[in-house]
Amino acid sequence: MTDDPICPLCDRPIPPEAPQSLHHLVPKLRGGKGGPTVLLHQICHNEIHATLSETELARDHATIEALRAHPKLAKFIRWVAKRPPAFHARTPGPRRQRR
């Protein structure tokens, strides 16, 4: 049994050695400074920001449920769920530009 936190995006444990970061559910630049955050695997966090702009995150994807429902993120979640908990790889492509 592990006491590691669980990534709310992919439902895998986040072991101490895994790259990880806090995600602001509403981006700081869109009014989320001081708002709720969630601990994610770094690969999950990177995928969110590679997929959605800050505006899209603030407007339509400010909950874990909304993020998980996004078609591209749902496909990523199915893929990463098969990887070990500490798995990390570079997210392909550039980060989305701010709007």
PDB file of N, CA and C in Angstrom:
ATOM      1  N   MET A   1       0.858  -1.186   0.000  1.00  0.00           N
ATOM      2  CA  MET A   1       0.000   0.000   0.000  1.00  0.00           C
ATOM      3  C   MET A   1       0.893   1.233   0.000  1.00  0.00           C
ATOM      4  N   THR A   2       0.565   2.179  -0.845  1.00  0.00           N
ATOM      5  CA  THR A   2       1.377   3.384  -0.956  1.00  0.00           C
ATOM      6  C   THR A   2       0.627   4.589  -0.389  1.00  0.00           C
ATOM      7  N   ASP A   3       1.388   5.490   0.226  1.00  0.00           N
ATOM      8  CA  ASP A   3       0.801   6.726   0.726  1.00  0.00           C
ATOM      9  C   ASP A   3       1.078   7.886  -0.225  1.00  0.00           C
ATOM     10  N   ASP A   4       1.594   7.562  -1.413  1.00  0.00           N
ATOM     11  CA  ASP A   4       1.874   8.611  -2.389  1.00  0.00           C
ATOM     12  C   ASP A   4       0.580   9.290  -2.810  1.00  0.00           C
ATOM     13  N   PRO A   5       0.641  10.604  -3.066  1.00  0.00           N
ATOM     14  CA  PRO A   5      -0.566  11.279  -3.563  1.00  0.00           C
ATOM     15  C   PRO A   5      -0.961  10.706  -4.919  1.00  0.00           C
ATOM     16  N   ILE A   6      -2.222  10.828  -5.266  1.00  0.00           N
ATOM     17  CA  ILE A   6      -2.747  10.339  -6.538  1.00  0.00           C
ATOM     18  C   ILE A   6      -2.945  11.518  -7.476  1.00  0.00           C
ATOM     19  N   CYS A   7      -2.464  11.384  -8.692  1.00  0.00           N
ATOM     20  CA  CYS A   7      -2.667  12.423  -9.710  1.00  0.00           C
ATOM     21  C   CYS A   7      -4.144  12.423 -10.092  1.00  0.00           C
ATOM     22  N   PRO A   8      -4.844  13.547  -9.912  1.00  0.00           N
ATOM     23  CA  PRO A   8      -6.274  13.564 -10.230  1.00  0.00           C
ATOM     24  C   PRO A   8      -6.569  13.467 -11.721  1.00  0.00           C
ATOM     25  N   LEU A   9      -5.579  13.737 -12.559  1.00  0.00           N
ATOM     26  CA  LEU A   9      -5.828  13.643 -13.996  1.00  0.00           C
ATOM     27  C   LEU A   9      -5.773  12.187 -14.460  1.00  0.00           C
ATOM     28  N   CYS A  10      -4.673  11.478 -14.133  1.00  0.00           N
ATOM     29  CA  CYS A  10      -4.496  10.115 -14.658  1.00  0.00           C
ATOM     30  C   CYS A  10      -4.771   9.019 -13.635  1.00  0.00           C
ATOM     31  N   ASP A  11      -5.022   9.387 -12.374  1.00  0.00           N
ATOM     32  CA  ASP A  11      -5.307   8.428 -11.299  1.00  0.00           C
ATOM     33  C   ASP A  11      -4.150   7.501 -10.951  1.00  0.00           C
ATOM     34  N   ARG A  12      -2.928   7.861 -11.349  1.00  0.00           N
ATOM     35  CA  ARG A  12      -1.760   7.072 -10.952  1.00  0.00           C
ATOM     36  C   ARG A  12      -1.125   7.706  -9.721  1.00  0.00           C
ATOM     37  N   PRO A  13      -0.450   6.910  -8.868  1.00  0.00           N
ATOM     38  CA  PRO A  13       0.275   7.492  -7.733  1.00  0.00           C
ATOM     39  C   PRO A  13       1.390   8.417  -8.227  1.00  0.00           C
ATOM     40  N   ILE A  14       1.743   9.396  -7.404  1.00  0.00           N
ATOM     41  CA  ILE A  14       2.857  10.298  -7.712  1.00  0.00           C
ATOM     42  C   ILE A  14       3.957  10.014  -6.692  1.00  0.00           C
ATOM     43  N   PRO A  15       4.906   9.118  -7.040  1.00  0.00           N
ATOM     44  CA  PRO A  15       5.979   8.817  -6.087  1.00  0.00           C
ATOM     45  C   PRO A  15       6.904  10.030  -5.928  1.00  0.00           C
ATOM     46  N   PRO A  16       7.635  10.105  -4.805  1.00  0.00           N
ATOM     47  CA  PRO A  16       8.485  11.273  -4.548  1.00  0.00           C
ATOM     48  C   PRO A  16       9.495  11.559  -5.655  1.00  0.00           C
ATOM     49  N   GLU A  17       9.971  10.505  -6.323  1.00  0.00           N
ATOM     50  CA  GLU A  17      10.991  10.703  -7.368  1.00  0.00           C
ATOM     51  C   GLU A  17      10.396  11.136  -8.713  1.00  0.00           C
ATOM     52  N   ALA A  18       9.087  11.112  -8.849  1.00  0.00           N
ATOM     53  CA  ALA A  18       8.443  11.488 -10.115  1.00  0.00           C
ATOM     54  C   ALA A  18       8.428  13.001 -10.282  1.00  0.00           C
ATOM     55  N   PRO A  19       8.757  13.501 -11.471  1.00  0.00           N
ATOM     56  CA  PRO A  19       8.595  14.932 -11.716  1.00  0.00           C
ATOM     57  C   PRO A  19       7.130  15.308 -11.501  1.00  0.00           C
ATOM     58  N   GLN A  20       6.899  16.379 -10.746  1.00  0.00           N
ATOM     59  CA  GLN A  20       5.534  16.760 -10.383  1.00  0.00           C
ATOM     60  C   GLN A  20       5.445  18.273 -10.254  1.00  0.00           C
ATOM     61  N   SER A  21       4.232  18.804 -10.333  1.00  0.00           N
ATOM     62  CA  SER A  21       4.044  20.244 -10.162  1.00  0.00           C
ATOM     63  C   SER A  21       2.598  20.545  -9.808  1.00  0.00           C
ATOM     64  N   LEU A  22       2.394  21.760  -9.302  1.00  0.00           N
ATOM     65  CA  LEU A  22       1.047  22.218  -8.970  1.00  0.00           C
ATOM     66  C   LEU A  22       0.422  22.894 -10.182  1.00  0.00           C
ATOM     67  N   HIS A  23      -0.826  22.564 -10.444  1.00  0.00           N
ATOM     68  CA  HIS A  23      -1.583  23.167 -11.546  1.00  0.00           C
ATOM     69  C   HIS A  23      -2.670  24.055 -10.951  1.00  0.00           C
ATOM     70  N   HIS A  24      -2.699  25.314 -11.365  1.00  0.00           N
ATOM     71  CA  HIS A  24      -3.788  26.212 -10.972  1.00  0.00           C
ATOM     72  C   HIS A  24      -4.993  25.885 -11.845  1.00  0.00           C
ATOM     73  N   LEU A  25      -6.111  25.518 -11.238  1.00  0.00           N
ATOM     74  CA  LEU A  25      -7.293  25.157 -12.023  1.00  0.00           C
ATOM     75  C   LEU A  25      -7.758  26.330 -12.882  1.00  0.00           C
ATOM     76  N   VAL A  26      -7.680  27.537 -12.345  1.00  0.00           N
ATOM     77  CA  VAL A  26      -7.874  28.743 -13.149  1.00  0.00           C
ATOM     78  C   VAL A  26      -6.484  29.361 -13.275  1.00  0.00           C
ATOM     79  N   PRO A  27      -5.976  29.545 -14.502  1.00  0.00           N
ATOM     80  CA  PRO A  27      -4.619  30.089 -14.652  1.00  0.00           C
ATOM     81  C   PRO A  27      -4.434  31.403 -13.895  1.00  0.00           C
ATOM     82  N   LYS A  28      -3.239  31.568 -13.329  1.00  0.00           N
ATOM     83  CA  LYS A  28      -2.941  32.776 -12.560  1.00  0.00           C
ATOM     84  C   LYS A  28      -3.187  34.037 -13.385  1.00  0.00           C
ATOM     85  N   LEU A  29      -2.838  33.982 -14.664  1.00  0.00           N
ATOM     86  CA  LEU A  29      -3.003  35.158 -15.523  1.00  0.00           C
ATOM     87  C   LEU A  29      -4.461  35.427 -15.888  1.00  0.00           C
ATOM     88  N   ARG A  30      -5.338  34.518 -15.540  1.00  0.00           N
ATOM     89  CA  ARG A  30      -6.766  34.675 -15.847  1.00  0.00           C
ATOM     90  C   ARG A  30      -7.591  34.743 -14.561  1.00  0.00           C
ATOM     91  N   GLY A  31      -6.985  35.214 -13.478  1.00  0.00           N
ATOM     92  CA  GLY A  31      -7.713  35.422 -12.233  1.00  0.00           C
ATOM     93  C   GLY A  31      -7.579  34.310 -11.213  1.00  0.00           C
ATOM     94  N   GLY A  32      -6.710  33.342 -11.463  1.00  0.00           N
ATOM     95  CA  GLY A  32      -6.608  32.202 -10.561  1.00  0.00           C
ATOM     96  C   GLY A  32      -5.533  32.306  -9.499  1.00  0.00           C
ATOM     97  N   LYS A  33      -4.846  33.457  -9.417  1.00  0.00           N
ATOM     98  CA  LYS A  33      -3.806  33.597  -8.395  1.00  0.00           C
ATOM     99  C   LYS A  33      -4.454  33.454  -7.016  1.00  0.00           C
ATOM    100  N   GLY A  34      -3.914  32.553  -6.218  1.00  0.00           N
ATOM    101  CA  GLY A  34      -4.492  32.302  -4.903  1.00  0.00           C
ATOM    102  C   GLY A  34      -5.672  31.337  -4.939  1.00  0.00           C
ATOM    103  N   GLY A  35      -6.042  30.874  -6.119  1.00  0.00           N
ATOM    104  CA  GLY A  35      -7.158  29.940  -6.264  1.00  0.00           C
ATOM    105  C   GLY A  35      -6.712  28.506  -6.050  1.00  0.00           C
ATOM    106  N   PRO A  36      -7.619  27.553  -6.250  1.00  0.00           N
ATOM    107  CA  PRO A  36      -7.299  26.149  -5.987  1.00  0.00           C
ATOM    108  C   PRO A  36      -6.241  25.597  -6.937  1.00  0.00           C
ATOM    109  N   THR A  37      -5.387  24.744  -6.386  1.00  0.00           N
ATOM    110  CA  THR A  37      -4.372  24.049  -7.177  1.00  0.00           C
ATOM    111  C   THR A  37      -4.495  22.554  -6.930  1.00  0.00           C
ATOM    112  N   VAL A  38      -3.958  21.776  -7.861  1.00  0.00           N
ATOM    113  CA  VAL A  38      -3.906  20.318  -7.716  1.00  0.00           C
ATOM    114  C   VAL A  38      -2.496  19.857  -8.055  1.00  0.00           C
ATOM    115  N   LEU A  39      -2.018  18.838  -7.340  1.00  0.00           N
ATOM    116  CA  LEU A  39      -0.715  18.256  -7.609  1.00  0.00           C
ATOM    117  C   LEU A  39      -0.861  17.241  -8.739  1.00  0.00           C
ATOM    118  N   LEU A  40      -0.048  17.400  -9.782  1.00  0.00           N
ATOM    119  CA  LEU A  40      -0.091  16.523 -10.952  1.00  0.00           C
ATOM    120  C   LEU A  40       1.303  15.991 -11.257  1.00  0.00           C
ATOM    121  N   HIS A  41       1.350  14.865 -11.990  1.00  0.00           N
ATOM    122  CA  HIS A  41       2.613  14.469 -12.608  1.00  0.00           C
ATOM    123  C   HIS A  41       3.006  15.605 -13.553  1.00  0.00           C
ATOM    124  N   GLN A  42       4.297  15.857 -13.690  1.00  0.00           N
ATOM    125  CA  GLN A  42       4.743  16.909 -14.605  1.00  0.00           C
ATOM    126  C   GLN A  42       4.292  16.609 -16.034  1.00  0.00           C
ATOM    127  N   ILE A  43       4.328  15.348 -16.448  1.00  0.00           N
ATOM    128  CA  ILE A  43       3.912  14.992 -17.812  1.00  0.00           C
ATOM    129  C   ILE A  43       2.428  15.316 -18.025  1.00  0.00           C
ATOM    130  N   CYS A  44       1.606  15.110 -17.002  1.00  0.00           N
ATOM    131  CA  CYS A  44       0.176  15.435 -17.112  1.00  0.00           C
ATOM    132  C   CYS A  44      -0.013  16.949 -17.198  1.00  0.00           C
ATOM    133  N   HIS A  45       0.726  17.688 -16.371  1.00  0.00           N
ATOM    134  CA  HIS A  45       0.650  19.148 -16.378  1.00  0.00           C
ATOM    135  C   HIS A  45       1.095  19.697 -17.737  1.00  0.00           C
ATOM    136  N   ASN A  46       2.204  19.162 -18.260  1.00  0.00           N
ATOM    137  CA  ASN A  46       2.690  19.608 -19.571  1.00  0.00           C
ATOM    138  C   ASN A  46       1.650  19.374 -20.656  1.00  0.00           C
ATOM    139  N   GLU A  47       0.994  18.222 -20.604  1.00  0.00           N
ATOM    140  CA  GLU A  47       0.003  17.898 -21.637  1.00  0.00           C
ATOM    141  C   GLU A  47      -1.180  18.853 -21.588  1.00  0.00           C
ATOM    142  N   ILE A  48      -1.614  19.222 -20.388  1.00  0.00           N
ATOM    143  CA  ILE A  48      -2.718  20.188 -20.256  1.00  0.00           C
ATOM    144  C   ILE A  48      -2.355  21.486 -20.960  1.00  0.00           C
ATOM    145  N   HIS A  49      -1.148  22.004 -20.677  1.00  0.00           N
ATOM    146  CA  HIS A  49      -0.751  23.299 -21.242  1.00  0.00           C
ATOM    147  C   HIS A  49      -0.360  23.204 -22.712  1.00  0.00           C
ATOM    148  N   ALA A  50       0.000  22.027 -23.192  1.00  0.00           N
ATOM    149  CA  ALA A  50       0.266  21.850 -24.619  1.00  0.00           C
ATOM    150  C   ALA A  50      -1.039  21.759 -25.413  1.00  0.00           C
ATOM    151  N   THR A  51      -2.111  21.382 -24.740  1.00  0.00           N
ATOM    152  CA  THR A  51      -3.397  21.161 -25.399  1.00  0.00           C
ATOM    153  C   THR A  51      -4.298  22.387 -25.368  1.00  0.00           C
ATOM    154  N   LEU A  52      -4.325  23.082 -24.241  1.00  0.00           N
ATOM    155  CA  LEU A  52      -5.295  24.164 -24.037  1.00  0.00           C
ATOM    156  C   LEU A  52      -4.603  25.491 -23.743  1.00  0.00           C
ATOM    157  N   SER A  53      -5.172  26.571 -24.249  1.00  0.00           N
ATOM    158  CA  SER A  53      -4.650  27.906 -23.945  1.00  0.00           C
ATOM    159  C   SER A  53      -5.091  28.308 -22.539  1.00  0.00           C
ATOM    160  N   GLU A  54      -4.463  29.357 -22.019  1.00  0.00           N
ATOM    161  CA  GLU A  54      -4.840  29.875 -20.692  1.00  0.00           C
ATOM    162  C   GLU A  54      -6.317  30.290 -20.699  1.00  0.00           C
ATOM    163  N   THR A  55      -6.747  30.915 -21.789  1.00  0.00           N
ATOM    164  CA  THR A  55      -8.149  31.358 -21.898  1.00  0.00           C
ATOM    165  C   THR A  55      -9.090  30.160 -21.893  1.00  0.00           C
ATOM    166  N   GLU A  56      -8.764  29.116 -22.660  1.00  0.00           N
ATOM    167  CA  GLU A  56      -9.611  27.912 -22.692  1.00  0.00           C
ATOM    168  C   GLU A  56      -9.662  27.250 -21.315  1.00  0.00           C
ATOM    169  N   LEU A  57      -8.511  27.221 -20.623  1.00  0.00           N
ATOM    170  CA  LEU A  57      -8.486  26.637 -19.282  1.00  0.00           C
ATOM    171  C   LEU A  57      -9.395  27.410 -18.341  1.00  0.00           C
ATOM    172  N   ALA A  58      -9.297  28.734 -18.367  1.00  0.00           N
ATOM    173  CA  ALA A  58     -10.107  29.562 -17.457  1.00  0.00           C
ATOM    174  C   ALA A  58     -11.590  29.475 -17.791  1.00  0.00           C
ATOM    175  N   ARG A  59     -11.916  29.480 -19.073  1.00  0.00           N
ATOM    176  CA  ARG A  59     -13.310  29.562 -19.493  1.00  0.00           C
ATOM    177  C   ARG A  59     -14.031  28.210 -19.408  1.00  0.00           C
ATOM    178  N   ASP A  60     -13.405  27.161 -19.914  1.00  0.00           N
ATOM    179  CA  ASP A  60     -14.128  25.891 -20.097  1.00  0.00           C
ATOM    180  C   ASP A  60     -13.546  24.677 -19.374  1.00  0.00           C
ATOM    181  N   HIS A  61     -12.347  24.788 -18.823  1.00  0.00           N
ATOM    182  CA  HIS A  61     -11.682  23.595 -18.276  1.00  0.00           C
ATOM    183  C   HIS A  61     -11.077  23.851 -16.901  1.00  0.00           C
ATOM    184  N   ALA A  62     -11.815  24.504 -16.024  1.00  0.00           N
ATOM    185  CA  ALA A  62     -11.309  24.875 -14.702  1.00  0.00           C
ATOM    186  C   ALA A  62     -11.580  23.817 -13.639  1.00  0.00           C
ATOM    187  N   THR A  63     -11.966  22.621 -14.062  1.00  0.00           N
ATOM    188  CA  THR A  63     -12.147  21.507 -13.121  1.00  0.00           C
ATOM    189  C   THR A  63     -11.433  20.275 -13.684  1.00  0.00           C
ATOM    190  N   ILE A  64     -11.088  19.350 -12.795  1.00  0.00           N
ATOM    191  CA  ILE A  64     -10.478  18.095 -13.246  1.00  0.00           C
ATOM    192  C   ILE A  64     -11.443  17.347 -14.165  1.00  0.00           C
ATOM    193  N   GLU A  65     -12.735  17.366 -13.835  1.00  0.00           N
ATOM    194  CA  GLU A  65     -13.736  16.667 -14.656  1.00  0.00           C
ATOM    195  C   GLU A  65     -13.742  17.213 -16.081  1.00  0.00           C
ATOM    196  N   ALA A  66     -13.688  18.539 -16.221  1.00  0.00           N
ATOM    197  CA  ALA A  66     -13.692  19.150 -17.553  1.00  0.00           C
ATOM    198  C   ALA A  66     -12.406  18.804 -18.303  1.00  0.00           C
ATOM    199  N   LEU A  67     -11.283  18.796 -17.605  1.00  0.00           N
ATOM    200  CA  LEU A  67     -10.024  18.429 -18.254  1.00  0.00           C
ATOM    201  C   LEU A  67     -10.075  16.980 -18.738  1.00  0.00           C
ATOM    202  N   ARG A  68     -10.565  16.091 -17.883  1.00  0.00           N
ATOM    203  CA  ARG A  68     -10.628  14.669 -18.247  1.00  0.00           C
ATOM    204  C   ARG A  68     -11.590  14.401 -19.413  1.00  0.00           C
ATOM    205  N   ALA A  69     -12.572  15.278 -19.573  1.00  0.00           N
ATOM    206  CA  ALA A  69     -13.560  15.106 -20.643  1.00  0.00           C
ATOM    207  C   ALA A  69     -13.066  15.611 -22.000  1.00  0.00           C
ATOM    208  N   HIS A  70     -12.002  16.409 -22.015  1.00  0.00           N
ATOM    209  CA  HIS A  70     -11.490  16.936 -23.284  1.00  0.00           C
ATOM    210  C   HIS A  70     -10.967  15.767 -24.119  1.00  0.00           C
ATOM    211  N   PRO A  71     -11.372  15.651 -25.386  1.00  0.00           N
ATOM    212  CA  PRO A  71     -11.003  14.470 -26.194  1.00  0.00           C
ATOM    213  C   PRO A  71      -9.499  14.205 -26.278  1.00  0.00           C
ATOM    214  N   LYS A  72      -8.693  15.228 -26.507  1.00  0.00           N
ATOM    215  CA  LYS A  72      -7.244  15.003 -26.627  1.00  0.00           C
ATOM    216  C   LYS A  72      -6.644  14.592 -25.288  1.00  0.00           C
ATOM    217  N   LEU A  73      -7.104  15.207 -24.207  1.00  0.00           N
ATOM    218  CA  LEU A  73      -6.589  14.827 -22.882  1.00  0.00           C
ATOM    219  C   LEU A  73      -7.067  13.433 -22.490  1.00  0.00           C
ATOM    220  N   ALA A  74      -8.289  13.073 -22.862  1.00  0.00           N
ATOM    221  CA  ALA A  74      -8.796  11.728 -22.571  1.00  0.00           C
ATOM    222  C   ALA A  74      -7.934  10.669 -23.270  1.00  0.00           C
ATOM    223  N   LYS A  75      -7.525  10.954 -24.493  1.00  0.00           N
ATOM    224  CA  LYS A  75      -6.657  10.026 -25.230  1.00  0.00           C
ATOM    225  C   LYS A  75      -5.294   9.926 -24.535  1.00  0.00           C
ATOM    226  N   PHE A  76      -4.746  11.071 -24.121  1.00  0.00           N
ATOM    227  CA  PHE A  76      -3.478  11.080 -23.394  1.00  0.00           C
ATOM    228  C   PHE A  76      -3.597  10.271 -22.092  1.00  0.00           C
ATOM    229  N   ILE A  77      -4.682  10.466 -21.349  1.00  0.00           N
ATOM    230  CA  ILE A  77      -4.884   9.765 -20.074  1.00  0.00           C
ATOM    231  C   ILE A  77      -4.904   8.250 -20.292  1.00  0.00           C
ATOM    232  N   ARG A  78      -5.600   7.798 -21.338  1.00  0.00           N
ATOM    233  CA  ARG A  78      -5.621   6.355 -21.641  1.00  0.00           C
ATOM    234  C   ARG A  78      -4.205   5.848 -21.916  1.00  0.00           C
ATOM    235  N   TRP A  79      -3.408   6.656 -22.629  1.00  0.00           N
ATOM    236  CA  TRP A  79      -2.040   6.262 -22.969  1.00  0.00           C
ATOM    237  C   TRP A  79      -1.149   6.236 -21.730  1.00  0.00           C
ATOM    238  N   VAL A  80      -1.159   7.319 -20.944  1.00  0.00           N
ATOM    239  CA  VAL A  80      -0.234   7.435 -19.815  1.00  0.00           C
ATOM    240  C   VAL A  80      -0.618   6.490 -18.676  1.00  0.00           C
ATOM    241  N   ALA A  81      -1.864   6.092 -18.596  1.00  0.00           N
ATOM    242  CA  ALA A  81      -2.311   5.176 -17.536  1.00  0.00           C
ATOM    243  C   ALA A  81      -1.580   3.832 -17.607  1.00  0.00           C
ATOM    244  N   LYS A  82      -1.044   3.492 -18.777  1.00  0.00           N
ATOM    245  CA  LYS A  82      -0.326   2.223 -18.965  1.00  0.00           C
ATOM    246  C   LYS A  82       1.151   2.341 -18.591  1.00  0.00           C
ATOM    247  N   ARG A  83       1.596   3.540 -18.217  1.00  0.00           N
ATOM    248  CA  ARG A  83       3.000   3.783 -17.887  1.00  0.00           C
ATOM    249  C   ARG A  83       3.218   3.687 -16.375  1.00  0.00           C
ATOM    250  N   PRO A  84       4.463   3.422 -15.962  1.00  0.00           N
ATOM    251  CA  PRO A  84       4.748   3.377 -14.519  1.00  0.00           C
ATOM    252  C   PRO A  84       4.497   4.744 -13.872  1.00  0.00           C
ATOM    253  N   PRO A  85       4.222   4.774 -12.569  1.00  0.00           N
ATOM    254  CA  PRO A  85       3.904   6.032 -11.898  1.00  0.00           C
ATOM    255  C   PRO A  85       4.968   7.124 -12.018  1.00  0.00           C
ATOM    256  N   ALA A  86       6.252   6.747 -12.089  1.00  0.00           N
ATOM    257  CA  ALA A  86       7.312   7.756 -12.171  1.00  0.00           C
ATOM    258  C   ALA A  86       7.686   8.097 -13.614  1.00  0.00           C
ATOM    259  N   PHE A  87       6.968   7.556 -14.585  1.00  0.00           N
ATOM    260  CA  PHE A  87       7.277   7.785 -16.002  1.00  0.00           C
ATOM    261  C   PHE A  87       7.219   9.265 -16.343  1.00  0.00           C
ATOM    262  N   HIS A  88       8.200   9.712 -17.105  1.00  0.00           N
ATOM    263  CA  HIS A  88       8.178  11.075 -17.633  1.00  0.00           C
ATOM    264  C   HIS A  88       8.823  11.059 -19.003  1.00  0.00           C
ATOM    265  N   ALA A  89       8.261  11.800 -19.911  1.00  0.00           N
ATOM    266  CA  ALA A  89       8.833  11.978 -21.240  1.00  0.00           C
ATOM    267  C   ALA A  89       8.537  13.402 -21.668  1.00  0.00           C
ATOM    268  N   ARG A  90       9.322  13.884 -22.588  1.00  0.00           N
ATOM    269  CA  ARG A  90       9.107  15.233 -23.088  1.00  0.00           C
ATOM    270  C   ARG A  90       7.789  15.276 -23.842  1.00  0.00           C
ATOM    271  N   THR A  91       7.002  16.324 -23.611  1.00  0.00           N
ATOM    272  CA  THR A  91       5.739  16.491 -24.322  1.00  0.00           C
ATOM    273  C   THR A  91       6.060  17.010 -25.714  1.00  0.00           C
ATOM    274  N   PRO A  92       5.620  16.307 -26.774  1.00  0.00           N
ATOM    275  CA  PRO A  92       5.975  16.747 -28.121  1.00  0.00           C
ATOM    276  C   PRO A  92       5.291  18.061 -28.497  1.00  0.00           C
ATOM    277  N   GLY A  93       5.973  18.810 -29.342  1.00  0.00           N
ATOM    278  CA  GLY A  93       5.393  20.053 -29.846  1.00  0.00           C
ATOM    279  C   GLY A  93       5.599  21.207 -28.895  1.00  0.00           C
ATOM    280  N   PRO A  94       5.359  22.411 -29.383  1.00  0.00           N
ATOM    281  CA  PRO A  94       5.542  23.600 -28.548  1.00  0.00           C
ATOM    282  C   PRO A  94       4.384  23.786 -27.580  1.00  0.00           C
ATOM    283  N   ARG A  95       4.646  24.531 -26.498  1.00  0.00           N
ATOM    284  CA  ARG A  95       3.551  24.922 -25.609  1.00  0.00           C
ATOM    285  C   ARG A  95       2.625  25.835 -26.380  1.00  0.00           C
ATOM    286  N   ARG A  96       1.368  25.782 -26.048  1.00  0.00           N
ATOM    287  CA  ARG A  96       0.396  26.686 -26.677  1.00  0.00           C
ATOM    288  C   ARG A  96       0.755  28.126 -26.334  1.00  0.00           C
ATOM    289  N   GLN A  97       0.528  29.020 -27.264  1.00  0.00           N
ATOM    290  CA  GLN A  97       0.792  30.430 -27.016  1.00  0.00           C
ATOM    291  C   GLN A  97      -0.331  31.019 -26.168  1.00  0.00           C
ATOM    292  N   ARG A  98       0.012  32.001 -25.351  1.00  0.00           N
ATOM    293  CA  ARG A  98      -1.000  32.690 -24.558  1.00  0.00           C
ATOM    294  C   ARG A  98      -1.874  33.508 -25.478  1.00  0.00           C
ATOM    295  N   ARG A  99      -3.143  33.600 -25.129  1.00  0.00           N
ATOM    296  CA  ARG A  99      -4.059  34.441 -25.906  1.00  0.00           C
ATOM    297  C   ARG A  99      -4.522  35.585 -25.068  1.00  0.00           C
TER     298      ARG A  99
END
